[in-house]
Amino acid sequence: MIGILLASCAASRPTEGPVRLGEMAAVNGPKVRPDRVIEDSRCPADVQCVWAGRLIVRATVFGGGWSKQLDLTLGVPVPVADGMLTLVNATPKRSKSEAISPAHARFSFSFQGGL
């Protein structure tokens, strides 16, 4: 029983590296949990496209006693609390032959600002 409780606590602890959907990321201030992919129209890595497309991830952002859902577009900073939150990377890159499984997706965020 104690092992189950310890595993549960470790799974909910924020990490600083790339996270999966539903995992918590610590980003130099707030914590961010990517909840689901809203849009992934990015150009596949092995294709030349006229439009690069975009990736939008719905995430819940947690601060000191508050939480807020945001739609984050890859590379576009969004004002949060006293700074700017950005979805900076998503892996794996899309390929023309295969759709990305949400189970394999990893997301990285950055937060600039704060005191």
N, C-alpha and C. Protein backbone atom coordinates (compact mmCIF):
# COMPACT_ATOMS: atom_id res chain seq x y z
N MET A 1 0.82 -1.20 0.00
CA MET A 1 0.00 0.00 0.00
C MET A 1 0.86 1.26 0.00
N ILE A 2 1.93 1.27 0.78
CA ILE A 2 2.81 2.43 0.84
C ILE A 2 3.47 2.67 -0.52
N GLY A 3 3.87 1.59 -1.21
CA GLY A 3 4.47 1.72 -2.53
C GLY A 3 3.52 2.38 -3.53
N ILE A 4 2.24 2.04 -3.43
CA ILE A 4 1.24 2.65 -4.32
C ILE A 4 1.14 4.14 -4.04
N LEU A 5 1.11 4.52 -2.76
CA LEU A 5 1.03 5.94 -2.40
C LEU A 5 2.26 6.70 -2.88
N LEU A 6 3.45 6.13 -2.72
CA LEU A 6 4.67 6.79 -3.17
C LEU A 6 4.69 6.93 -4.68
N ALA A 7 4.26 5.92 -5.40
CA ALA A 7 4.21 6.00 -6.86
C ALA A 7 3.23 7.07 -7.29
N SER A 8 2.12 7.18 -6.60
CA SER A 8 1.12 8.20 -6.92
C SER A 8 1.69 9.59 -6.71
N CYS A 9 2.41 9.81 -5.63
CA CYS A 9 3.01 11.13 -5.36
C CYS A 9 4.06 11.47 -6.41
N ALA A 10 4.88 10.52 -6.78
CA ALA A 10 5.93 10.77 -7.77
C ALA A 10 5.32 11.11 -9.12
N ALA A 11 4.22 10.48 -9.48
CA ALA A 11 3.60 10.71 -10.79
C ALA A 11 3.01 12.11 -10.89
N SER A 12 2.60 12.69 -9.76
CA SER A 12 1.96 14.01 -9.81
C SER A 12 2.96 15.14 -9.61
N ARG A 13 4.21 14.85 -9.36
CA ARG A 13 5.24 15.86 -9.15
C ARG A 13 5.60 16.51 -10.48
N PRO A 14 5.65 17.86 -10.54
CA PRO A 14 5.99 18.53 -11.80
C PRO A 14 7.43 18.23 -12.22
N THR A 15 7.66 18.17 -13.53
CA THR A 15 8.99 17.98 -14.07
C THR A 15 9.36 19.21 -14.89
N GLU A 16 10.65 19.40 -15.14
CA GLU A 16 11.10 20.55 -15.91
C GLU A 16 11.27 20.21 -17.38
N GLY A 17 11.33 18.94 -17.72
CA GLY A 17 11.54 18.54 -19.10
C GLY A 17 10.24 18.40 -19.86
N PRO A 18 10.30 17.85 -21.06
CA PRO A 18 9.08 17.63 -21.84
C PRO A 18 8.11 16.72 -21.09
N VAL A 19 6.82 17.01 -21.22
CA VAL A 19 5.79 16.23 -20.53
C VAL A 19 4.76 15.71 -21.52
N ARG A 20 4.09 14.65 -21.12
CA ARG A 20 2.99 14.07 -21.89
C ARG A 20 1.69 14.80 -21.56
N LEU A 21 0.66 14.52 -22.33
CA LEU A 21 -0.67 15.03 -22.00
C LEU A 21 -1.02 14.54 -20.60
N GLY A 22 -1.53 15.43 -19.76
CA GLY A 22 -1.94 15.08 -18.41
C GLY A 22 -0.85 15.16 -17.36
N GLU A 23 0.40 15.31 -17.76
CA GLU A 23 1.50 15.45 -16.80
C GLU A 23 1.74 16.93 -16.50
N MET A 24 2.31 17.21 -15.35
CA MET A 24 2.55 18.57 -14.90
C MET A 24 3.98 18.99 -15.18
N ALA A 25 4.15 20.19 -15.76
CA ALA A 25 5.48 20.74 -16.03
C ALA A 25 5.70 21.96 -15.14
N ALA A 26 6.88 22.05 -14.55
CA ALA A 26 7.28 23.23 -13.79
C ALA A 26 8.05 24.13 -14.75
N VAL A 27 7.62 25.39 -14.84
CA VAL A 27 8.23 26.28 -15.85
C VAL A 27 8.67 27.62 -15.24
N ASN A 28 9.54 27.57 -14.23
CA ASN A 28 10.10 28.80 -13.69
C ASN A 28 9.02 29.75 -13.16
N GLY A 29 8.07 29.23 -12.46
CA GLY A 29 6.97 30.03 -11.92
C GLY A 29 5.72 29.18 -11.86
N PRO A 30 4.82 29.35 -12.85
CA PRO A 30 3.60 28.54 -12.83
C PRO A 30 3.88 27.08 -13.20
N LYS A 31 2.89 26.26 -13.00
CA LYS A 31 2.94 24.87 -13.45
C LYS A 31 1.95 24.75 -14.60
N VAL A 32 2.27 23.90 -15.57
CA VAL A 32 1.45 23.76 -16.77
C VAL A 32 1.16 22.28 -17.00
N ARG A 33 -0.11 21.98 -17.26
CA ARG A 33 -0.51 20.61 -17.59
C ARG A 33 -1.16 20.64 -18.98
N PRO A 34 -0.49 20.08 -20.01
CA PRO A 34 -1.14 19.99 -21.32
C PRO A 34 -2.28 18.98 -21.24
N ASP A 35 -3.49 19.41 -21.61
CA ASP A 35 -4.67 18.56 -21.47
C ASP A 35 -5.05 17.84 -22.76
N ARG A 36 -4.99 18.56 -23.88
CA ARG A 36 -5.32 17.92 -25.16
C ARG A 36 -4.84 18.77 -26.31
N VAL A 37 -4.66 18.11 -27.45
CA VAL A 37 -4.29 18.81 -28.69
C VAL A 37 -5.57 19.29 -29.35
N ILE A 38 -5.68 20.59 -29.57
CA ILE A 38 -6.84 21.18 -30.23
C ILE A 38 -6.67 21.11 -31.74
N GLU A 39 -5.47 21.44 -32.21
CA GLU A 39 -5.18 21.43 -33.65
C GLU A 39 -3.73 21.07 -33.88
N ASP A 40 -3.48 20.22 -34.85
CA ASP A 40 -2.11 19.95 -35.29
C ASP A 40 -2.12 19.90 -36.81
N SER A 41 -1.93 21.07 -37.41
CA SER A 41 -1.90 21.17 -38.86
C SER A 41 -0.49 21.47 -39.35
N ARG A 42 0.50 21.15 -38.50
CA ARG A 42 1.89 21.40 -38.87
C ARG A 42 2.26 20.63 -40.13
N CYS A 43 3.11 21.24 -40.92
CA CYS A 43 3.62 20.59 -42.12
C CYS A 43 4.50 19.41 -41.69
N PRO A 44 4.31 18.23 -42.25
CA PRO A 44 5.16 17.09 -41.90
C PRO A 44 6.63 17.40 -42.16
N ALA A 45 7.51 16.85 -41.35
CA ALA A 45 8.95 17.11 -41.45
C ALA A 45 9.53 16.68 -42.79
N ASP A 46 8.95 15.68 -43.42
CA ASP A 46 9.50 15.15 -44.67
C ASP A 46 8.77 15.65 -45.91
N VAL A 47 8.10 16.81 -45.80
CA VAL A 47 7.32 17.37 -46.90
C VAL A 47 7.62 18.87 -46.99
N GLN A 48 7.64 19.40 -48.22
CA GLN A 48 7.79 20.84 -48.39
C GLN A 48 6.39 21.44 -48.56
N CYS A 49 6.02 22.38 -47.68
CA CYS A 49 4.68 22.95 -47.67
C CYS A 49 4.73 24.44 -47.94
N VAL A 50 3.63 24.97 -48.45
CA VAL A 50 3.49 26.40 -48.66
C VAL A 50 3.23 27.08 -47.33
N TRP A 51 2.43 26.44 -46.46
CA TRP A 51 2.09 26.97 -45.14
C TRP A 51 2.62 26.02 -44.08
N ALA A 52 3.28 26.54 -43.08
CA ALA A 52 3.90 25.68 -42.06
C ALA A 52 2.87 25.01 -41.16
N GLY A 53 1.66 25.56 -41.07
CA GLY A 53 0.65 25.00 -40.18
C GLY A 53 0.89 25.44 -38.75
N ARG A 54 0.10 24.88 -37.84
CA ARG A 54 0.26 25.25 -36.44
C ARG A 54 -0.17 24.12 -35.53
N LEU A 55 0.29 24.24 -34.29
CA LEU A 55 -0.08 23.30 -33.24
C LEU A 55 -0.69 24.11 -32.11
N ILE A 56 -1.89 23.71 -31.68
CA ILE A 56 -2.55 24.37 -30.55
C ILE A 56 -2.85 23.31 -29.51
N VAL A 57 -2.40 23.57 -28.29
CA VAL A 57 -2.59 22.66 -27.17
C VAL A 57 -3.39 23.37 -26.09
N ARG A 58 -4.47 22.75 -25.62
CA ARG A 58 -5.21 23.30 -24.48
C ARG A 58 -4.50 22.81 -23.22
N ALA A 59 -4.16 23.77 -22.36
CA ALA A 59 -3.42 23.46 -21.15
C ALA A 59 -4.05 24.17 -19.96
N THR A 60 -3.87 23.59 -18.78
CA THR A 60 -4.28 24.23 -17.55
C THR A 60 -3.02 24.75 -16.88
N VAL A 61 -3.05 26.03 -16.52
CA VAL A 61 -1.92 26.69 -15.88
C VAL A 61 -2.29 26.93 -14.41
N PHE A 62 -1.38 26.56 -13.52
CA PHE A 62 -1.60 26.67 -12.08
C PHE A 62 -0.62 27.66 -11.48
N GLY A 63 -1.13 28.60 -10.70
CA GLY A 63 -0.29 29.55 -9.98
C GLY A 63 -0.59 29.45 -8.50
N GLY A 64 -0.17 30.44 -7.74
CA GLY A 64 -0.41 30.44 -6.30
C GLY A 64 -1.89 30.60 -5.96
N GLY A 65 -2.61 29.51 -5.86
CA GLY A 65 -4.01 29.55 -5.49
C GLY A 65 -4.98 29.78 -6.64
N TRP A 66 -4.53 29.73 -7.87
CA TRP A 66 -5.42 29.91 -9.01
C TRP A 66 -5.07 28.92 -10.11
N SER A 67 -6.00 28.70 -11.02
CA SER A 67 -5.75 27.90 -12.22
C SER A 67 -6.55 28.51 -13.37
N LYS A 68 -6.06 28.27 -14.59
CA LYS A 68 -6.67 28.88 -15.76
C LYS A 68 -6.40 27.99 -16.97
N GLN A 69 -7.43 27.76 -17.79
CA GLN A 69 -7.24 27.01 -19.04
C GLN A 69 -6.90 27.98 -20.15
N LEU A 70 -5.88 27.60 -20.96
CA LEU A 70 -5.44 28.42 -22.08
C LEU A 70 -5.22 27.54 -23.30
N ASP A 71 -5.45 28.11 -24.47
CA ASP A 71 -5.06 27.45 -25.72
C ASP A 71 -3.72 28.06 -26.13
N LEU A 72 -2.67 27.23 -26.15
CA LEU A 72 -1.32 27.68 -26.46
C LEU A 72 -0.94 27.24 -27.86
N THR A 73 -0.54 28.21 -28.69
CA THR A 73 -0.08 27.93 -30.05
C THR A 73 1.44 27.85 -30.01
N LEU A 74 2.00 26.82 -30.64
CA LEU A 74 3.45 26.61 -30.65
C LEU A 74 4.17 27.88 -31.07
N GLY A 75 5.08 28.35 -30.19
CA GLY A 75 5.92 29.50 -30.50
C GLY A 75 5.30 30.86 -30.24
N VAL A 76 4.06 30.91 -29.75
CA VAL A 76 3.38 32.20 -29.52
C VAL A 76 3.24 32.45 -28.01
N PRO A 77 3.94 33.47 -27.48
CA PRO A 77 3.83 33.78 -26.06
C PRO A 77 2.43 34.28 -25.68
N VAL A 78 1.97 33.88 -24.49
CA VAL A 78 0.66 34.27 -23.98
C VAL A 78 0.86 34.87 -22.59
N PRO A 79 0.22 36.03 -22.31
CA PRO A 79 0.37 36.61 -20.97
C PRO A 79 -0.29 35.74 -19.90
N VAL A 80 0.48 35.46 -18.86
CA VAL A 80 -0.02 34.69 -17.71
C VAL A 80 0.58 35.31 -16.46
N ALA A 81 -0.25 35.62 -15.50
CA ALA A 81 0.19 36.23 -14.24
C ALA A 81 1.07 37.43 -14.54
N ASP A 82 2.33 37.38 -14.13
CA ASP A 82 3.24 38.51 -14.33
C ASP A 82 4.31 38.22 -15.39
N GLY A 83 3.99 37.36 -16.36
CA GLY A 83 4.97 37.02 -17.38
C GLY A 83 4.32 36.48 -18.64
N MET A 84 5.12 35.80 -19.45
CA MET A 84 4.67 35.24 -20.73
C MET A 84 4.97 33.75 -20.76
N LEU A 85 3.96 32.96 -21.06
CA LEU A 85 4.08 31.50 -21.17
C LEU A 85 4.08 31.12 -22.64
N THR A 86 4.99 30.23 -23.03
CA THR A 86 5.11 29.81 -24.42
C THR A 86 5.23 28.30 -24.52
N LEU A 87 4.47 27.71 -25.43
CA LEU A 87 4.69 26.32 -25.84
C LEU A 87 5.86 26.37 -26.81
N VAL A 88 7.03 25.86 -26.40
CA VAL A 88 8.24 26.04 -27.20
C VAL A 88 8.62 24.85 -28.06
N ASN A 89 8.10 23.67 -27.75
CA ASN A 89 8.48 22.51 -28.54
C ASN A 89 7.45 21.40 -28.37
N ALA A 90 7.30 20.62 -29.42
CA ALA A 90 6.44 19.44 -29.38
C ALA A 90 7.11 18.36 -30.20
N THR A 91 7.24 17.19 -29.62
CA THR A 91 7.84 16.07 -30.32
C THR A 91 6.91 14.87 -30.21
N PRO A 92 6.97 13.94 -31.10
CA PRO A 92 7.81 13.94 -32.29
C PRO A 92 7.25 14.88 -33.36
N LYS A 93 8.09 15.19 -34.34
CA LYS A 93 7.63 15.98 -35.48
C LYS A 93 6.69 15.12 -36.30
N ARG A 94 5.75 15.76 -36.98
CA ARG A 94 4.83 15.01 -37.85
C ARG A 94 5.59 14.46 -39.05
N SER A 95 5.12 13.33 -39.57
CA SER A 95 5.65 12.81 -40.82
C SER A 95 4.47 12.54 -41.74
N LYS A 96 4.72 12.51 -43.04
CA LYS A 96 3.60 12.34 -43.98
C LYS A 96 3.01 10.95 -43.92
N SER A 97 3.77 10.00 -43.44
CA SER A 97 3.29 8.62 -43.44
C SER A 97 2.53 8.22 -42.17
N GLU A 98 2.60 9.04 -41.13
CA GLU A 98 2.04 8.57 -39.87
C GLU A 98 1.54 9.73 -39.02
N ALA A 99 0.35 9.59 -38.44
CA ALA A 99 -0.18 10.57 -37.50
C ALA A 99 0.50 10.36 -36.15
N ILE A 100 0.63 11.42 -35.38
CA ILE A 100 1.26 11.33 -34.07
C ILE A 100 0.24 10.86 -33.04
N SER A 101 0.60 9.83 -32.33
CA SER A 101 -0.25 9.33 -31.25
C SER A 101 -0.12 10.24 -30.04
N PRO A 102 -1.23 10.63 -29.41
CA PRO A 102 -1.14 11.45 -28.20
C PRO A 102 -0.28 10.80 -27.11
N ALA A 103 -0.24 9.48 -27.08
CA ALA A 103 0.57 8.79 -26.08
C ALA A 103 2.07 9.03 -26.27
N HIS A 104 2.49 9.34 -27.50
CA HIS A 104 3.91 9.57 -27.78
C HIS A 104 4.29 11.04 -27.78
N ALA A 105 3.33 11.94 -27.76
CA ALA A 105 3.61 13.37 -27.83
C ALA A 105 4.22 13.87 -26.53
N ARG A 106 5.18 14.78 -26.65
CA ARG A 106 5.82 15.44 -25.51
C ARG A 106 5.82 16.94 -25.79
N PHE A 107 5.59 17.73 -24.74
CA PHE A 107 5.49 19.17 -24.89
C PHE A 107 6.42 19.87 -23.91
N SER A 108 7.06 20.95 -24.38
CA SER A 108 7.94 21.75 -23.54
C SER A 108 7.44 23.19 -23.52
N PHE A 109 7.56 23.84 -22.36
CA PHE A 109 7.06 25.19 -22.15
C PHE A 109 8.16 26.06 -21.55
N SER A 110 8.03 27.36 -21.74
CA SER A 110 8.90 28.30 -21.05
C SER A 110 8.07 29.43 -20.48
N PHE A 111 8.57 30.03 -19.41
CA PHE A 111 7.91 31.17 -18.78
C PHE A 111 8.94 32.25 -18.59
N GLN A 112 8.67 33.42 -19.13
CA GLN A 112 9.57 34.57 -18.99
C GLN A 112 8.85 35.64 -18.19
N GLY A 113 9.54 36.17 -17.21
CA GLY A 113 8.95 37.22 -16.39
C GLY A 113 8.91 36.81 -14.95
N GLY A 114 8.04 37.43 -14.21
CA GLY A 114 7.94 37.12 -12.79
C GLY A 114 9.01 37.87 -12.02
N LEU A 115 8.83 37.88 -10.75
CA LEU A 115 9.80 38.57 -9.89
C LEU A 115 10.55 37.62 -9.03
